[in-house]
Amino acid sequence: ANDSRVQKDISSIANAGEAYAATHNGNYATTAQGIGTLVTSGDLKVSPTAPGGYSTYAYSGTAASFTIQGQLKSKKYTGYGLFRYNSTTGRACAWNGSACQP
């Protein structure tokens, strides 16, 4: 259940990041601006928090691209301990640090 919540939260943040860029001349919120900027802009209703016992969601961005990731713990994700969205590919997936889960 918690992994599903992480995936939902990451997807919501990803959608908000894309919506933000659509209204800011294609520029994404930067790491310094963070997820809070997506809330302030109205593109994200609230800043989601990771489930208890999970790592804090990690947002990293420049005006040109961003990633957002959260921890996964289910055995089905063994070797792929993160759920990550990358604006460059427009794809979210279970991530092992260098590749998506096949």
Protein backbone atom coordinates (compact mmCIF):
# COMPACT_ATOMS: atom_id res chain seq x y z
CA ALA A 1 0.00 0.00 0.00
CA ASN A 2 2.81 2.42 0.83
CA ASP A 3 4.63 1.78 -2.45
CA SER A 4 1.39 2.58 -4.29
CA ARG A 5 1.14 5.83 -2.35
CA VAL A 6 4.73 6.72 -3.30
CA GLN A 7 3.96 6.06 -6.97
CA LYS A 8 0.78 8.16 -6.79
CA ASP A 9 2.58 11.03 -5.04
CA ILE A 10 5.50 11.02 -7.48
CA SER A 11 3.05 11.01 -10.41
CA SER A 12 1.13 13.95 -8.89
CA ILE A 13 4.32 15.95 -8.42
CA ALA A 14 5.43 15.07 -11.96
CA ASN A 15 2.12 16.25 -13.42
CA ALA A 16 2.36 19.46 -11.41
CA GLY A 17 5.92 20.02 -12.62
CA GLU A 18 4.85 19.64 -16.23
CA ALA A 19 1.86 21.98 -15.67
CA TYR A 20 4.17 24.54 -14.07
CA ALA A 21 6.50 24.47 -17.08
CA ALA A 22 3.55 24.87 -19.44
CA THR A 23 2.71 28.21 -17.83
CA HIS A 24 6.31 29.37 -17.27
CA ASN A 25 7.70 29.47 -20.82
CA GLY A 26 8.78 25.83 -20.66
CA ASN A 27 10.89 26.37 -17.53
CA TYR A 28 10.66 23.87 -14.68
CA ALA A 29 10.93 24.69 -11.00
CA THR A 30 14.58 24.46 -9.95
CA THR A 31 15.99 22.48 -7.04
CA ALA A 32 16.22 25.72 -5.03
CA GLN A 33 12.55 26.50 -5.73
CA GLY A 34 11.49 22.92 -4.98
CA ILE A 35 8.10 21.33 -4.66
CA GLY A 36 6.84 24.29 -2.62
CA THR A 37 6.88 26.39 -5.79
CA LEU A 38 4.47 23.93 -7.40
CA VAL A 39 2.11 24.40 -4.46
CA THR A 40 2.46 28.21 -4.47
CA SER A 41 1.75 28.31 -8.22
CA GLY A 42 -1.43 26.25 -7.71
CA ASP A 43 -0.19 23.37 -9.87
CA LEU A 44 -0.03 21.05 -6.82
CA LYS A 45 -2.68 21.22 -4.09
CA VAL A 46 -0.40 20.15 -1.23
CA SER A 47 3.18 18.99 -0.96
CA PRO A 48 2.92 15.23 -0.39
CA THR A 49 5.05 13.56 2.25
CA ALA A 50 6.50 10.08 2.03
CA PRO A 51 4.89 7.35 4.14
CA GLY A 52 6.36 6.75 7.60
CA GLY A 53 9.63 4.83 7.44
CA TYR A 54 10.27 5.89 3.83
CA SER A 55 12.89 8.38 2.64
CA THR A 56 11.78 11.94 1.92
CA TYR A 57 10.86 12.60 -1.71
CA ALA A 58 13.82 14.01 -3.62
CA TYR A 59 13.22 16.77 -6.19
CA SER A 60 16.06 17.95 -8.40
CA GLY A 61 15.56 20.45 -11.18
CA THR A 62 16.90 23.09 -13.51
CA ALA A 63 14.89 25.31 -15.83
CA ALA A 64 15.47 22.67 -18.54
CA SER A 65 14.49 19.46 -16.71
CA PHE A 66 13.63 17.85 -13.38
CA THR A 67 13.45 14.52 -11.61
CA ILE A 68 11.42 13.48 -8.59
CA GLN A 69 11.90 10.21 -6.78
CA GLY A 70 10.72 8.28 -3.76
CA GLN A 71 11.69 5.05 -2.06
CA LEU A 72 10.06 1.68 -2.82
CA LYS A 73 10.20 -1.24 -0.38
CA SER A 74 8.11 -4.06 -1.90
CA LYS A 75 9.98 -7.26 -2.76
CA LYS A 76 8.74 -6.97 -6.34
CA TYR A 77 11.06 -3.96 -6.68
CA THR A 78 14.17 -5.72 -5.36
CA GLY A 79 17.16 -4.03 -6.97
CA TYR A 80 14.97 -1.06 -7.99
CA GLY A 81 14.47 0.76 -4.71
CA LEU A 82 13.19 4.05 -6.12
CA PHE A 83 10.21 5.25 -8.12
CA ARG A 84 11.45 8.07 -10.34
CA TYR A 85 10.02 10.50 -12.88
CA ASN A 86 12.33 12.19 -15.39
CA SER A 87 10.97 15.15 -17.35
CA THR A 88 13.51 14.56 -20.14
CA THR A 89 11.96 11.19 -20.99
CA GLY A 90 8.48 11.97 -19.64
CA ARG A 91 8.57 8.56 -17.98
CA ALA A 92 8.09 7.30 -14.44
CA CYS A 93 9.46 3.90 -13.44
CA ALA A 94 11.01 1.77 -10.73
CA TRP A 95 14.64 2.89 -10.81
CA ASN A 96 17.90 1.31 -9.68
CA GLY A 97 20.08 4.40 -9.97
CA SER A 98 20.91 3.94 -13.64
CA ALA A 99 17.99 2.23 -15.39
CA CYS A 100 14.26 1.56 -15.26
CA GLN A 101 12.96 -1.82 -14.24
CA PRO A 102 12.31 -3.90 -17.36
